[in-house]
Amino acid sequence: MMRIRLGTYVLALHLPLFGCAALLLPARPLWFVGAEALLLASLALGWRLVRQALEPLGYTRRFHDLLQDQQYANRLAAPASRELEHLVGTFNAMLGALHRERLAIGEQQGFLDRLLEATPVAVLVFDFDGAVSLVNASATQLLGLERPQGRPLSAWTGADAGFAANLDGRARARSRHLIAGLDALPLGESRLLTDLDGRRYRAQRGQFHDRGFARHFLMVEELTAELEDSERSTYERLIRVLAHEVNNTVAATGSVLDSLLFYRGQLAEPDAGDFATAIVAVRRRNASLGEFIERFTKVVRMPPPEPRPTDVKAVVDDILWLNREACNGRGIALGWHRCDAVAPLALDAQLIEQALLNIVKNAIEAIDEAGAPGGYVRLELADEGRRVRLSVVDSGGLLAAGPARPLFTPFFTTRKGGQGIGLMFVREVLQRHGCTYSLAPGAPGETRFDIWFPVR
């Protein structure tokens, strides 16, 4: 448009001069020819100057088109005039800088994407409206979300819609509980959250700026294994110190008590009987104290598993046989509810037997504490393909709806007179065998202890 306007202007300037030159034609033809030649030369020169003046606008337009199409790898052609070399060189330098920055940003974005997918920390990024815009693989696995983009976290706190199809009711309830805690996490705070199974997580909400506006993100890291290792290390040191002091005291006290019995013959008969009775009672209590501390040290001194092909059903049948008479005397039904044919598993039979014996014993004691007649302990052995599930279901129903994980914490117990080491021992045995487990309420009035053995 500018080219047309300037061309029209130059032509308008020369047309009157052509008209004036035409007046010379009758009187002076040679002057007319000379004047016309000069005017044509002036018109051509003016048109050329217009083109040269507008040439930078043409380069600017081509530069604009390259920027708009994001063709940063292209370059502008070298100009014909030296006056434009600096301008074109500047444009090409800008395109080169933009191309290098774009490559660097692309590489950084690719690295960030791979890092987010590889990290075990769950990461969720939200858009300006608080809806999920990015979720990495760890977050998808942890929360079980399906196509979460474009939806706020509150969309999963009240209904099952949006969860992965392979999640059961318990897993969905656990995810909803954890999502509710994450959604309520204030900006800039880091908190320790616990799900319905008692697993513990460190969650932190932060923000970053995108195009001048703040966007939030969440980072969730599971600390269950880390905290359990710390707990294990703490109680191992504590038990070693206690065992050392108690065993030294028990040994010295036992030796003194044995020596005191030699003085029985020097006392009168009535006094000698009372003296011996008191010494024997103290010796018995001394031995009980040694046995008490020995039960704790078994957990610390547990030998590493020696896996051998083991028939799980045969191990459980021995436990059922050992407890059958006691259950019959209490009116408790004890037996198999489901028993699939399962190939032998690589297990340490002695350790697994001790762990299962603790679980069945706890189930029987839970029914006793409930006090309801006609209780039962049912066992299920199910082949699930890559895993084998062994379940112990009791009708005691003493497990509250809250997290069951504290039951596996050292020295934590819900029974009167309990020591809090039975389930601690069970946890150690199962973890050393690479098993996963769950202790949670089952059907109304029931408690389930599920163990999944890996099939190698």
Protein backbone atom coordinates (compact mmCIF):
# COMPACT_ATOMS: atom_id res chain seq x y z
CA MET A 1 0.00 0.00 0.00
CA MET A 2 2.82 2.42 0.84
CA ARG A 3 4.53 1.58 -2.46
CA ILE A 4 1.39 2.45 -4.42
CA ARG A 5 0.91 5.71 -2.58
CA LEU A 6 4.49 6.89 -3.11
CA GLY A 7 4.42 5.79 -6.77
CA THR A 8 1.19 7.71 -7.30
CA TYR A 9 2.72 10.76 -5.64
CA VAL A 10 5.83 10.71 -7.87
CA LEU A 11 3.70 10.21 -10.98
CA ALA A 12 1.42 13.07 -9.96
CA LEU A 13 4.43 15.34 -9.66
CA HIS A 14 5.66 14.49 -13.17
CA LEU A 15 2.37 14.59 -15.08
CA PRO A 16 2.06 18.42 -15.00
CA LEU A 17 5.66 18.69 -16.16
CA PHE A 18 4.93 16.35 -19.06
CA GLY A 19 1.99 18.65 -19.91
CA CYS A 20 4.21 21.74 -19.85
CA ALA A 21 6.83 20.01 -22.01
CA ALA A 22 4.13 19.25 -24.58
CA LEU A 23 3.69 23.00 -25.15
CA LEU A 24 7.25 23.15 -26.57
CA LEU A 25 6.48 20.68 -29.33
CA PRO A 26 5.16 23.12 -32.06
CA ALA A 27 7.79 25.78 -31.54
CA ARG A 28 10.84 23.89 -30.38
CA PRO A 29 10.71 20.14 -31.05
CA LEU A 30 14.27 19.47 -29.90
CA TRP A 31 13.64 21.13 -26.59
CA PHE A 32 10.48 19.04 -26.27
CA VAL A 33 12.42 15.79 -26.80
CA GLY A 34 15.09 16.83 -24.29
CA ALA A 35 12.51 17.84 -21.70
CA GLU A 36 10.62 14.57 -22.10
CA ALA A 37 13.84 12.57 -21.77
CA LEU A 38 14.77 14.43 -18.60
CA LEU A 39 11.29 13.91 -17.12
CA LEU A 40 11.38 10.18 -17.92
CA ALA A 41 14.79 9.88 -16.29
CA SER A 42 13.49 11.79 -13.26
CA LEU A 43 10.44 9.53 -13.07
CA ALA A 44 12.59 6.40 -13.26
CA LEU A 45 14.96 7.74 -10.63
CA GLY A 46 12.06 8.64 -8.35
CA TRP A 47 10.53 5.16 -8.71
CA ARG A 48 13.91 3.57 -7.93
CA LEU A 49 14.37 5.74 -4.85
CA VAL A 50 10.87 4.76 -3.69
CA ARG A 51 11.75 1.08 -4.04
CA GLN A 52 15.02 1.54 -2.13
CA ALA A 53 13.27 3.51 0.60
CA LEU A 54 10.63 0.79 1.02
CA GLU A 55 13.06 -2.16 0.89
CA PRO A 56 13.63 -2.19 4.72
CA LEU A 57 9.86 -2.55 5.15
CA GLY A 58 9.95 -5.65 2.97
CA TYR A 59 12.68 -7.24 5.11
CA THR A 60 10.75 -6.27 8.24
CA ARG A 61 7.62 -7.96 6.87
CA ARG A 62 9.53 -11.16 6.03
CA PHE A 63 11.11 -11.09 9.50
CA HIS A 64 7.65 -10.70 11.02
CA ASP A 65 6.35 -13.68 9.03
CA LEU A 66 9.25 -15.86 10.21
CA LEU A 67 8.57 -14.90 13.82
CA GLN A 68 4.86 -15.54 13.47
CA ASP A 69 5.44 -18.97 11.93
CA GLN A 70 8.20 -19.68 14.50
CA GLN A 71 10.64 -20.49 11.70
CA TYR A 72 13.66 -19.52 13.76
CA ALA A 73 16.04 -21.76 11.79
CA ASN A 74 15.52 -19.75 8.56
CA ARG A 75 17.56 -16.69 7.59
CA LEU A 76 16.88 -13.58 5.51
CA ALA A 77 18.67 -13.38 2.16
CA ALA A 78 21.59 -10.96 1.81
CA PRO A 79 20.46 -7.53 0.53
CA ALA A 80 21.64 -5.99 -2.73
CA SER A 81 22.53 -2.66 -1.11
CA ARG A 82 25.18 -2.18 1.53
CA GLU A 83 22.94 0.15 3.50
CA LEU A 84 20.68 -2.79 4.48
CA GLU A 85 23.44 -5.25 5.41
CA HIS A 86 23.46 -4.11 9.04
CA LEU A 87 19.67 -4.33 9.35
CA VAL A 88 19.48 -7.81 7.80
CA GLY A 89 22.45 -8.94 9.88
CA THR A 90 20.62 -7.79 13.02
CA PHE A 91 17.46 -9.66 12.01
CA ASN A 92 19.44 -12.86 11.29
CA ALA A 93 21.29 -12.56 14.63
CA MET A 94 17.93 -12.27 16.42
CA LEU A 95 16.61 -15.34 14.60
CA GLY A 96 19.75 -17.29 15.52
CA ALA A 97 19.44 -16.31 19.19
CA LEU A 98 15.77 -17.29 19.24
CA HIS A 99 16.59 -20.62 17.58
CA ARG A 100 19.27 -21.42 20.18
CA GLU A 101 16.98 -20.44 23.05
CA ARG A 102 14.18 -22.54 21.64
CA LEU A 103 16.47 -25.58 21.36
CA ALA A 104 17.69 -25.05 24.94
CA ILE A 105 14.15 -24.71 26.26
CA GLY A 106 13.05 -27.81 24.33
CA GLU A 107 15.94 -29.84 25.72
CA GLN A 108 15.24 -28.60 29.25
CA GLN A 109 11.54 -29.38 28.88
CA GLY A 110 12.34 -32.87 27.60
CA PHE A 111 14.69 -33.46 30.51
CA LEU A 112 12.08 -32.15 32.95
CA ASP A 113 9.40 -34.42 31.48
CA ARG A 114 11.65 -37.50 31.75
CA LEU A 115 12.67 -36.49 35.27
CA LEU A 116 9.04 -36.13 36.36
CA GLU A 117 8.19 -39.54 34.95
CA ALA A 118 11.20 -41.23 36.54
CA THR A 119 11.04 -39.65 40.00
CA PRO A 120 9.38 -41.71 42.77
CA VAL A 121 7.91 -38.49 44.18
CA ALA A 122 4.31 -37.85 43.10
CA VAL A 123 3.95 -34.47 41.36
CA LEU A 124 0.71 -32.69 40.43
CA VAL A 125 0.67 -29.32 38.65
CA PHE A 126 -2.45 -27.14 38.49
CA ASP A 127 -3.55 -24.50 36.00
CA PHE A 128 -4.67 -20.95 36.79
CA ASP A 129 -8.16 -22.18 37.79
CA GLY A 130 -6.89 -24.88 40.18
CA ALA A 131 -7.55 -27.82 37.85
CA VAL A 132 -4.95 -30.55 37.31
CA SER A 133 -2.86 -29.82 34.22
CA LEU A 134 0.02 -32.28 34.71
CA VAL A 135 0.38 -35.48 36.73
CA ASN A 136 3.39 -37.79 36.61
CA ALA A 137 3.42 -41.59 36.70
CA SER A 138 4.08 -41.78 40.46
CA ALA A 139 1.07 -39.57 41.22
CA THR A 140 -1.13 -41.65 38.91
CA GLN A 141 -0.06 -44.85 40.64
CA LEU A 142 -0.36 -43.37 44.15
CA LEU A 143 -3.79 -41.79 43.74
CA GLY A 144 -5.23 -44.06 41.06
CA LEU A 145 -6.56 -41.15 39.00
CA GLU A 146 -7.79 -41.70 35.46
CA ARG A 147 -7.60 -38.77 32.99
CA PRO A 148 -7.35 -36.13 35.74
CA GLN A 149 -6.43 -33.22 33.45
CA GLY A 150 -8.88 -30.35 33.60
CA ARG A 151 -10.47 -31.34 36.93
CA PRO A 152 -9.80 -30.04 40.46
CA LEU A 153 -8.84 -32.42 43.27
CA SER A 154 -12.20 -31.84 44.94
CA ALA A 155 -13.80 -33.81 42.08
CA TRP A 156 -12.47 -37.05 43.62
CA THR A 157 -13.36 -36.43 47.27
CA GLY A 158 -17.06 -37.17 47.01
CA ALA A 159 -17.50 -39.84 44.34
CA ASP A 160 -15.74 -42.74 42.66
CA ALA A 161 -15.84 -41.15 39.19
CA GLY A 162 -12.40 -40.72 37.71
CA PHE A 163 -10.59 -43.56 39.53
CA ALA A 164 -8.80 -46.32 37.67
CA ALA A 165 -10.97 -49.35 36.96
CA ASN A 166 -8.56 -51.77 38.69
CA LEU A 167 -9.01 -50.12 42.11
CA ASP A 168 -11.28 -51.87 44.58
CA GLY A 169 -13.51 -50.12 47.10
CA ARG A 170 -10.87 -50.07 49.83
CA ALA A 171 -8.25 -48.57 47.50
CA ARG A 172 -10.69 -45.90 46.31
CA ALA A 173 -11.57 -44.96 49.87
CA ARG A 174 -7.84 -44.71 50.68
CA SER A 175 -7.27 -42.47 47.64
CA ARG A 176 -10.22 -40.23 48.50
CA HIS A 177 -8.94 -39.82 52.05
CA LEU A 178 -5.44 -38.90 50.85
CA ILE A 179 -6.75 -36.56 48.13
CA ALA A 180 -8.89 -34.72 50.69
CA GLY A 181 -5.77 -34.10 52.79
CA LEU A 182 -3.83 -32.89 49.76
CA ASP A 183 -6.65 -30.58 48.64
CA ALA A 184 -6.76 -28.95 52.09
CA LEU A 185 -2.99 -28.41 52.25
CA PRO A 186 -2.24 -24.65 52.48
CA LEU A 187 0.22 -22.96 50.15
CA GLY A 188 3.82 -23.06 51.33
CA GLU A 189 3.27 -25.72 54.00
CA SER A 190 4.73 -29.22 54.32
CA ARG A 191 2.73 -31.77 56.31
CA LEU A 192 2.87 -35.43 57.24
CA LEU A 193 -0.28 -37.16 55.96
CA THR A 194 -1.55 -40.68 56.71
CA ASP A 195 -3.92 -42.74 54.57
CA LEU A 196 -6.49 -45.29 55.74
CA ASP A 197 -3.90 -48.08 55.70
CA GLY A 198 -1.57 -46.06 57.91
CA ARG A 199 1.03 -45.30 55.23
CA ARG A 200 2.70 -41.99 55.85
CA TYR A 201 3.51 -39.30 53.30
CA ARG A 202 5.23 -35.92 53.28
CA ALA A 203 3.18 -33.49 51.16
CA GLN A 204 4.16 -29.96 50.17
CA ARG A 205 2.25 -27.32 48.20
CA GLY A 206 4.22 -24.64 46.35
CA GLN A 207 3.76 -22.22 43.49
CA PHE A 208 5.55 -20.91 40.40
CA HIS A 209 4.76 -18.11 37.97
CA ASP A 210 3.63 -18.72 34.41
CA ARG A 211 3.16 -15.67 32.14
CA GLY A 212 3.01 -13.46 35.18
CA PHE A 213 0.38 -15.47 37.10
CA ALA A 214 0.85 -17.91 39.99
CA ARG A 215 0.20 -21.63 39.55
CA HIS A 216 0.26 -24.25 42.32
CA PHE A 217 1.92 -27.66 42.45
CA LEU A 218 1.93 -30.56 44.92
CA MET A 219 4.77 -32.95 45.76
CA VAL A 220 3.97 -36.14 47.71
CA GLU A 221 6.66 -38.51 48.97
CA GLU A 222 5.93 -41.77 50.78
CA LEU A 223 7.90 -42.05 54.01
CA THR A 224 6.56 -45.38 55.27
CA ALA A 225 9.71 -47.40 54.54
CA GLU A 226 12.01 -44.60 55.71
CA LEU A 227 10.16 -44.15 59.00
CA GLU A 228 9.94 -47.90 59.54
CA ASP A 229 13.71 -48.19 59.05
CA SER A 230 14.21 -45.39 61.56
CA GLU A 231 11.83 -47.05 64.03
CA ARG A 232 13.54 -50.39 63.53
CA SER A 233 16.95 -48.90 64.14
CA THR A 234 15.69 -47.15 67.28
CA TYR A 235 14.04 -50.15 68.88
CA GLU A 236 16.97 -52.40 67.96
CA ARG A 237 19.33 -50.14 69.87
CA LEU A 238 16.87 -49.90 72.76
CA ILE A 239 16.33 -53.66 72.95
CA ARG A 240 20.07 -54.36 72.82
CA VAL A 241 20.70 -52.00 75.73
CA LEU A 242 17.80 -53.41 77.75
CA ALA A 243 18.75 -57.01 76.97
CA HIS A 244 22.35 -56.40 78.00
CA GLU A 245 21.40 -54.84 81.32
CA VAL A 246 18.56 -57.26 82.11
CA ASN A 247 20.55 -60.38 81.18
CA ASN A 248 23.48 -59.28 83.33
CA THR A 249 21.13 -58.63 86.24
CA VAL A 250 19.23 -61.91 85.74
CA ALA A 251 22.45 -63.94 85.57
CA ALA A 252 23.91 -62.32 88.68
CA THR A 253 20.63 -62.59 90.59
CA GLY A 254 20.18 -66.23 89.60
CA SER A 255 23.66 -67.08 90.82
CA VAL A 256 23.03 -65.36 94.15
CA LEU A 257 19.69 -67.12 94.59
CA ASP A 258 21.27 -70.52 93.89
CA SER A 259 23.90 -69.76 96.51
CA LEU A 260 21.28 -68.74 99.08
CA LEU A 261 19.60 -72.15 98.83
CA PHE A 262 22.69 -73.73 100.41
CA TYR A 263 21.80 -71.96 103.66
CA ARG A 264 18.48 -73.76 103.92
CA GLY A 265 19.99 -76.55 106.02
CA GLN A 266 21.23 -74.07 108.61
CA LEU A 267 17.72 -72.83 109.42
CA ALA A 268 14.99 -74.35 111.55
CA GLU A 269 12.50 -76.46 109.62
CA PRO A 270 9.56 -73.99 109.70
CA ASP A 271 11.84 -71.16 108.67
CA ALA A 272 13.66 -73.28 106.12
CA GLY A 273 10.40 -74.03 104.24
CA ASP A 274 9.39 -70.39 104.05
CA PHE A 275 12.92 -69.42 103.07
CA ALA A 276 13.05 -71.99 100.23
CA THR A 277 9.56 -71.04 99.02
CA ALA A 278 10.55 -67.37 98.79
CA ILE A 279 13.81 -68.13 96.99
CA VAL A 280 12.08 -70.41 94.45
CA ALA A 281 9.42 -67.74 93.79
CA VAL A 282 12.09 -65.12 93.19
CA ARG A 283 14.00 -67.53 90.93
CA ARG A 284 10.83 -68.20 88.93
CA ARG A 285 10.19 -64.46 88.54
CA ASN A 286 13.83 -63.96 87.59
CA ALA A 287 13.53 -66.62 84.88
CA SER A 288 10.29 -65.04 83.60
CA LEU A 289 12.08 -61.72 83.28
CA GLY A 290 14.79 -63.40 81.20
CA GLU A 291 12.16 -65.04 78.96
CA PHE A 292 10.36 -61.70 78.62
CA ILE A 293 13.42 -59.88 77.32
CA GLU A 294 14.31 -62.89 75.13
CA ARG A 295 11.05 -62.48 73.24
CA PHE A 296 12.09 -58.95 72.29
CA THR A 297 15.59 -59.95 71.26
CA LYS A 298 14.19 -62.58 68.88
CA VAL A 299 12.97 -59.76 66.66
CA VAL A 300 16.36 -58.05 66.64
CA ARG A 301 18.32 -61.28 66.24
CA MET A 302 16.05 -62.70 63.58
CA PRO A 303 18.25 -64.62 61.13
CA PRO A 304 18.05 -63.81 57.43
CA PRO A 305 15.50 -65.98 55.61
CA GLU A 306 16.72 -69.16 53.94
CA PRO A 307 14.10 -69.64 51.19
CA ARG A 308 13.28 -73.18 50.20
CA PRO A 309 10.27 -74.58 48.30
CA THR A 310 7.51 -74.55 50.91
CA ASP A 311 3.94 -75.83 50.78
CA VAL A 312 1.97 -72.96 52.35
CA LYS A 313 -1.13 -75.12 52.81
CA ALA A 314 0.84 -77.71 54.76
CA VAL A 315 2.26 -75.01 57.05
CA VAL A 316 -1.22 -73.61 57.71
CA ASP A 317 -2.66 -77.12 58.27
CA ASP A 318 -0.11 -77.66 61.07
CA ILE A 319 -1.17 -74.37 62.69
CA LEU A 320 -4.84 -75.35 62.42
CA TRP A 321 -4.12 -78.71 64.02
CA LEU A 322 -2.27 -77.04 66.92
CA ASN A 323 -5.18 -74.67 67.63
CA ARG A 324 -8.13 -76.96 66.84
CA GLU A 325 -8.70 -78.30 70.36
CA ALA A 326 -8.40 -74.85 71.95
CA CYS A 327 -10.92 -73.43 69.45
CA ASN A 328 -13.33 -76.33 69.92
CA GLY A 329 -13.26 -75.74 73.68
CA ARG A 330 -14.18 -72.06 73.13
CA GLY A 331 -16.80 -72.71 70.47
CA ILE A 332 -14.74 -71.09 67.71
CA ALA A 333 -14.97 -72.54 64.20
CA LEU A 334 -11.48 -72.77 62.71
CA GLY A 335 -10.83 -73.99 59.16
CA TRP A 336 -10.46 -73.34 55.45
CA HIS A 337 -13.02 -71.23 53.59
CA ARG A 338 -11.17 -71.37 50.24
CA CYS A 339 -8.08 -73.34 49.34
CA ASP A 340 -6.71 -73.21 45.78
CA ALA A 341 -4.00 -75.56 44.58
CA VAL A 342 -0.80 -73.53 44.84
CA ALA A 343 2.69 -74.54 43.81
CA PRO A 344 5.41 -74.48 46.50
CA LEU A 345 6.77 -71.00 47.21
CA ALA A 346 10.32 -69.97 48.06
CA LEU A 347 9.96 -69.26 51.79
CA ASP A 348 11.73 -69.80 55.08
CA ALA A 349 9.26 -72.30 56.53
CA GLN A 350 10.19 -71.72 60.18
CA LEU A 351 9.91 -67.93 60.05
CA ILE A 352 6.67 -68.02 58.06
CA GLU A 353 5.20 -70.58 60.45
CA GLN A 354 6.00 -68.38 63.45
CA ALA A 355 4.46 -65.34 61.73
CA LEU A 356 1.26 -67.19 60.74
CA LEU A 357 1.00 -68.68 64.21
CA ASN A 358 1.02 -65.13 65.64
CA ILE A 359 -1.69 -64.02 63.20
CA VAL A 360 -4.02 -66.94 63.97
CA LYS A 361 -3.38 -66.54 67.70
CA ASN A 362 -4.30 -62.83 67.50
CA ALA A 363 -7.51 -63.70 65.61
CA ILE A 364 -8.54 -66.22 68.29
CA GLU A 365 -7.77 -63.74 71.08
CA ALA A 366 -9.78 -61.04 69.27
CA ILE A 367 -12.84 -63.35 69.26
CA ASP A 368 -12.31 -64.04 72.98
CA GLU A 369 -12.17 -60.32 73.74
CA ALA A 370 -15.30 -59.66 71.66
CA GLY A 371 -17.14 -62.16 73.86
CA ALA A 372 -19.70 -63.05 71.18
CA PRO A 373 -20.58 -66.77 70.99
CA GLY A 374 -20.22 -68.72 67.77
CA GLY A 375 -17.13 -66.97 66.49
CA TYR A 376 -15.05 -68.16 63.56
CA VAL A 377 -11.59 -67.92 62.02
CA ARG A 378 -11.64 -68.61 58.27
CA LEU A 379 -8.59 -68.98 56.07
CA GLU A 380 -8.36 -68.40 52.32
CA LEU A 381 -5.58 -69.45 49.97
CA ALA A 382 -6.09 -67.94 46.52
CA ASP A 383 -3.97 -68.19 43.38
CA GLU A 384 -4.02 -64.70 41.77
CA GLY A 385 -1.57 -65.38 38.97
CA ARG A 386 1.58 -63.45 39.78
CA ARG A 387 0.75 -63.49 43.49
CA VAL A 388 -0.65 -65.90 46.04
CA ARG A 389 -3.00 -64.45 48.65
CA LEU A 390 -3.37 -65.94 52.12
CA SER A 391 -6.13 -64.37 54.23
CA VAL A 392 -7.02 -64.86 57.88
CA VAL A 393 -10.57 -63.61 58.59
CA ASP A 394 -11.97 -63.50 62.12
CA SER A 395 -15.34 -62.51 63.52
CA GLY A 396 -13.87 -60.55 66.42
CA GLY A 397 -14.36 -57.24 64.60
CA LEU A 398 -12.26 -55.38 67.16
CA LEU A 399 -10.32 -53.39 64.58
CA ALA A 400 -11.70 -49.86 64.39
CA ALA A 401 -12.40 -48.19 61.07
CA GLY A 402 -9.29 -46.03 61.52
CA PRO A 403 -5.75 -46.82 60.33
CA ALA A 404 -4.47 -50.26 61.29
CA ARG A 405 -0.84 -49.42 60.59
CA PRO A 406 -0.03 -48.34 64.20
CA LEU A 407 -0.61 -51.98 65.20
CA PHE A 408 2.69 -52.78 63.45
CA THR A 409 4.52 -50.04 65.36
CA PRO A 410 7.01 -51.33 67.96
CA PHE A 411 5.50 -51.68 71.45
CA PHE A 412 2.04 -50.51 70.31
CA THR A 413 -0.79 -52.82 71.37
CA THR A 414 -4.56 -52.68 71.91
CA ARG A 415 -4.77 -55.70 74.23
CA LYS A 416 -4.48 -55.60 77.97
CA GLY A 417 -1.19 -57.14 78.95
CA GLY A 418 0.08 -57.07 75.37
CA GLN A 419 3.69 -56.25 74.66
CA GLY A 420 3.40 -54.92 71.11
CA ILE A 421 5.93 -57.32 69.58
CA GLY A 422 3.72 -59.97 67.93
CA LEU A 423 2.76 -57.93 64.86
CA MET A 424 6.18 -56.31 64.89
CA PHE A 425 7.67 -59.79 64.44
CA VAL A 426 5.10 -60.57 61.72
CA ARG A 427 5.99 -57.36 59.87
CA GLU A 428 9.70 -58.16 59.95
CA VAL A 429 9.16 -61.69 58.61
CA LEU A 430 6.84 -60.59 55.79
CA GLN A 431 9.07 -57.70 54.73
CA ARG A 432 12.12 -59.94 54.62
CA HIS A 433 10.22 -62.27 52.31
CA GLY A 434 9.16 -59.41 50.01
CA CYS A 435 5.47 -59.85 50.89
CA THR A 436 2.83 -57.14 50.96
CA TYR A 437 0.14 -57.25 53.62
CA SER A 438 -2.97 -55.50 54.85
CA LEU A 439 -4.75 -55.56 58.20
CA ALA A 440 -8.14 -53.87 57.89
CA PRO A 441 -11.86 -54.30 58.61
CA GLY A 442 -13.54 -56.66 56.16
CA ALA A 443 -17.25 -57.38 56.01
CA PRO A 444 -19.34 -55.98 58.90
CA GLY A 445 -18.09 -57.54 62.11
CA GLU A 446 -14.98 -59.04 60.51
CA THR A 447 -11.26 -58.31 60.47
CA ARG A 448 -9.04 -59.40 57.57
CA PHE A 449 -5.31 -60.00 57.53
CA ASP A 450 -4.28 -60.41 53.87
CA ILE A 451 -0.80 -61.52 52.82
CA TRP A 452 0.38 -61.54 49.21
CA PHE A 453 3.32 -63.83 48.46
CA PRO A 454 5.24 -63.03 45.26
CA VAL A 455 5.50 -65.88 42.76
CA ARG A 456 9.05 -66.07 41.43
